[in-house]
Amino acid sequence: MQTEDMIPLQQFCTHYHIEQSFVYALKDAGLIEVIYTEQEIYIPENQLNQLEKMVRLNTEMDINLEGIETITHLLQRMHDMQQEIIQLNNRLRMYEND
């Protein structure tokens, strides 16, 4: 992955007025990924949307790390169930067309 596809952690934290330790805590909890290079630590672009949501949960709603973990887990379960419902509906339509 090239650094053009990544945001420096320092730049992200400065922009959102958060401590780097918060991002490290999210990484340690397995909620996001960061990329270490010799010069700097980066956030991959594909992680930005999820990380921004977690920052908003923490800063705007004052939700702690454990709450963010729970919310993220529940949202993932909801997404998985929605995908399963779509698959089941598709299978059902296949049998209804007969």
C-alpha atoms as a PDB file:
ATOM      1  CA  MET A   1       0.000   0.000   0.000  1.00  0.00           C
ATOM      2  CA  GLN A   2       1.419   3.353  -0.981  1.00  0.00           C
ATOM      3  CA  THR A   3       1.446   6.323   1.364  1.00  0.00           C
ATOM      4  CA  GLU A   4      -0.782   8.242  -1.076  1.00  0.00           C
ATOM      5  CA  ASP A   5      -3.573   5.892   0.018  1.00  0.00           C
ATOM      6  CA  MET A   6      -2.981   6.675   3.686  1.00  0.00           C
ATOM      7  CA  ILE A   7      -3.359   9.601   6.079  1.00  0.00           C
ATOM      8  CA  PRO A   8      -0.594  10.360   8.604  1.00  0.00           C
ATOM      9  CA  LEU A   9      -1.859   9.684  12.124  1.00  0.00           C
ATOM     10  CA  GLN A  10      -0.509  13.003  13.399  1.00  0.00           C
ATOM     11  CA  GLN A  11      -2.408  14.909  10.695  1.00  0.00           C
ATOM     12  CA  PHE A  12      -5.654  13.032  11.463  1.00  0.00           C
ATOM     13  CA  CYS A  13      -5.348  13.661  15.208  1.00  0.00           C
ATOM     14  CA  THR A  14      -4.576  17.343  14.691  1.00  0.00           C
ATOM     15  CA  HIS A  15      -7.542  17.766  12.357  1.00  0.00           C
ATOM     16  CA  TYR A  16     -10.000  16.088  14.764  1.00  0.00           C
ATOM     17  CA  HIS A  17      -8.414  17.458  17.956  1.00  0.00           C
ATOM     18  CA  ILE A  18      -7.925  14.024  19.471  1.00  0.00           C
ATOM     19  CA  GLU A  19      -5.020  12.331  21.200  1.00  0.00           C
ATOM     20  CA  GLN A  20      -3.049   9.670  19.376  1.00  0.00           C
ATOM     21  CA  SER A  21      -3.583   7.424  22.399  1.00  0.00           C
ATOM     22  CA  PHE A  22      -7.299   7.213  21.489  1.00  0.00           C
ATOM     23  CA  VAL A  23      -6.422   5.854  18.038  1.00  0.00           C
ATOM     24  CA  TYR A  24      -3.933   3.436  19.597  1.00  0.00           C
ATOM     25  CA  ALA A  25      -6.641   2.224  21.987  1.00  0.00           C
ATOM     26  CA  LEU A  26      -8.992   1.604  19.039  1.00  0.00           C
ATOM     27  CA  LYS A  27      -6.190  -0.278  17.276  1.00  0.00           C
ATOM     28  CA  ASP A  28      -5.439  -2.357  20.381  1.00  0.00           C
ATOM     29  CA  ALA A  29      -9.137  -3.220  20.645  1.00  0.00           C
ATOM     30  CA  GLY A  30      -9.051  -4.469  17.051  1.00  0.00           C
ATOM     31  CA  LEU A  31     -11.482  -1.839  15.788  1.00  0.00           C
ATOM     32  CA  ILE A  32      -9.144  -0.212  13.255  1.00  0.00           C
ATOM     33  CA  GLU A  33      -5.836  -0.854  11.528  1.00  0.00           C
ATOM     34  CA  VAL A  34      -2.832   1.425  11.301  1.00  0.00           C
ATOM     35  CA  ILE A  35       0.266   1.072   9.145  1.00  0.00           C
ATOM     36  CA  TYR A  36       3.718   1.572  10.608  1.00  0.00           C
ATOM     37  CA  THR A  37       6.538   2.807   8.390  1.00  0.00           C
ATOM     38  CA  GLU A  38      10.041   3.852   9.326  1.00  0.00           C
ATOM     39  CA  GLN A  39       9.108   7.528   9.267  1.00  0.00           C
ATOM     40  CA  GLU A  40       5.508   7.700  10.451  1.00  0.00           C
ATOM     41  CA  ILE A  41       2.281   5.930  11.402  1.00  0.00           C
ATOM     42  CA  TYR A  42      -0.534   6.027   8.848  1.00  0.00           C
ATOM     43  CA  ILE A  43      -4.237   5.322   8.700  1.00  0.00           C
ATOM     44  CA  PRO A  44      -5.349   3.531   5.517  1.00  0.00           C
ATOM     45  CA  GLU A  45      -8.040   5.367   3.550  1.00  0.00           C
ATOM     46  CA  ASN A  46     -10.389   2.397   3.835  1.00  0.00           C
ATOM     47  CA  GLN A  47     -10.348   2.861   7.638  1.00  0.00           C
ATOM     48  CA  LEU A  48     -11.131   6.594   7.644  1.00  0.00           C
ATOM     49  CA  ASN A  49     -14.916   6.350   7.518  1.00  0.00           C
ATOM     50  CA  GLN A  50     -15.037   3.893  10.420  1.00  0.00           C
ATOM     51  CA  LEU A  51     -12.477   5.865  12.429  1.00  0.00           C
ATOM     52  CA  GLU A  52     -14.360   9.136  11.914  1.00  0.00           C
ATOM     53  CA  LYS A  53     -17.553   7.496  13.211  1.00  0.00           C
ATOM     54  CA  MET A  54     -15.732   6.284  16.304  1.00  0.00           C
ATOM     55  CA  VAL A  55     -14.214   9.706  16.926  1.00  0.00           C
ATOM     56  CA  ARG A  56     -17.678  11.288  16.701  1.00  0.00           C
ATOM     57  CA  LEU A  57     -19.112   8.709  19.105  1.00  0.00           C
ATOM     58  CA  ASN A  58     -16.369   9.569  21.562  1.00  0.00           C
ATOM     59  CA  THR A  59     -16.246  13.337  21.200  1.00  0.00           C
ATOM     60  CA  GLU A  60     -19.856  14.274  20.433  1.00  0.00           C
ATOM     61  CA  MET A  61     -21.656  11.634  22.472  1.00  0.00           C
ATOM     62  CA  ASP A  62     -18.978  11.052  25.135  1.00  0.00           C
ATOM     63  CA  ILE A  63     -19.049   7.274  24.597  1.00  0.00           C
ATOM     64  CA  ASN A  64     -16.051   5.459  26.037  1.00  0.00           C
ATOM     65  CA  LEU A  65     -13.949   2.795  24.313  1.00  0.00           C
ATOM     66  CA  GLU A  66     -15.995  -0.094  25.705  1.00  0.00           C
ATOM     67  CA  GLY A  67     -19.197   1.519  24.452  1.00  0.00           C
ATOM     68  CA  ILE A  68     -17.672   2.059  21.018  1.00  0.00           C
ATOM     69  CA  GLU A  69     -16.626  -1.607  20.927  1.00  0.00           C
ATOM     70  CA  THR A  70     -20.175  -2.672  21.804  1.00  0.00           C
ATOM     71  CA  ILE A  71     -21.785  -0.357  19.261  1.00  0.00           C
ATOM     72  CA  THR A  72     -19.370  -1.475  16.538  1.00  0.00           C
ATOM     73  CA  HIS A  73     -20.032  -5.137  17.324  1.00  0.00           C
ATOM     74  CA  LEU A  74     -23.817  -4.656  17.262  1.00  0.00           C
ATOM     75  CA  LEU A  75     -23.687  -2.687  14.003  1.00  0.00           C
ATOM     76  CA  GLN A  76     -21.600  -5.457  12.426  1.00  0.00           C
ATOM     77  CA  ARG A  77     -24.115  -8.076  13.589  1.00  0.00           C
ATOM     78  CA  MET A  78     -26.954  -5.994  12.129  1.00  0.00           C
ATOM     79  CA  HIS A  79     -25.101  -5.702   8.816  1.00  0.00           C
ATOM     80  CA  ASP A  80     -24.477  -9.458   8.755  1.00  0.00           C
ATOM     81  CA  MET A  81     -28.155 -10.174   9.469  1.00  0.00           C
ATOM     82  CA  GLN A  82     -29.247  -7.758   6.731  1.00  0.00           C
ATOM     83  CA  GLN A  83     -26.980  -9.574   4.266  1.00  0.00           C
ATOM     84  CA  GLU A  84     -28.446 -12.891   5.345  1.00  0.00           C
ATOM     85  CA  ILE A  85     -31.991 -11.562   4.877  1.00  0.00           C
ATOM     86  CA  ILE A  86     -31.095 -10.406   1.365  1.00  0.00           C
ATOM     87  CA  GLN A  87     -29.674 -13.833   0.547  1.00  0.00           C
ATOM     88  CA  LEU A  88     -32.748 -15.588   1.936  1.00  0.00           C
ATOM     89  CA  ASN A  89     -35.085 -13.277   0.017  1.00  0.00           C
ATOM     90  CA  ASN A  90     -33.160 -13.996  -3.182  1.00  0.00           C
ATOM     91  CA  ARG A  91     -33.451 -17.740  -2.592  1.00  0.00           C
ATOM     92  CA  LEU A  92     -37.164 -17.394  -1.823  1.00  0.00           C
ATOM     93  CA  ARG A  93     -37.753 -15.475  -5.068  1.00  0.00           C
ATOM     94  CA  MET A  94     -36.039 -18.249  -6.956  1.00  0.00           C
ATOM     95  CA  TYR A  95     -38.601 -20.749  -5.626  1.00  0.00           C
ATOM     96  CA  GLU A  96     -41.545 -18.381  -6.090  1.00  0.00           C
ATOM     97  CA  ASN A  97     -40.798 -18.032  -9.816  1.00  0.00           C
ATOM     98  CA  ASP A  98     -41.314 -21.743 -10.400  1.00  0.00           C
END
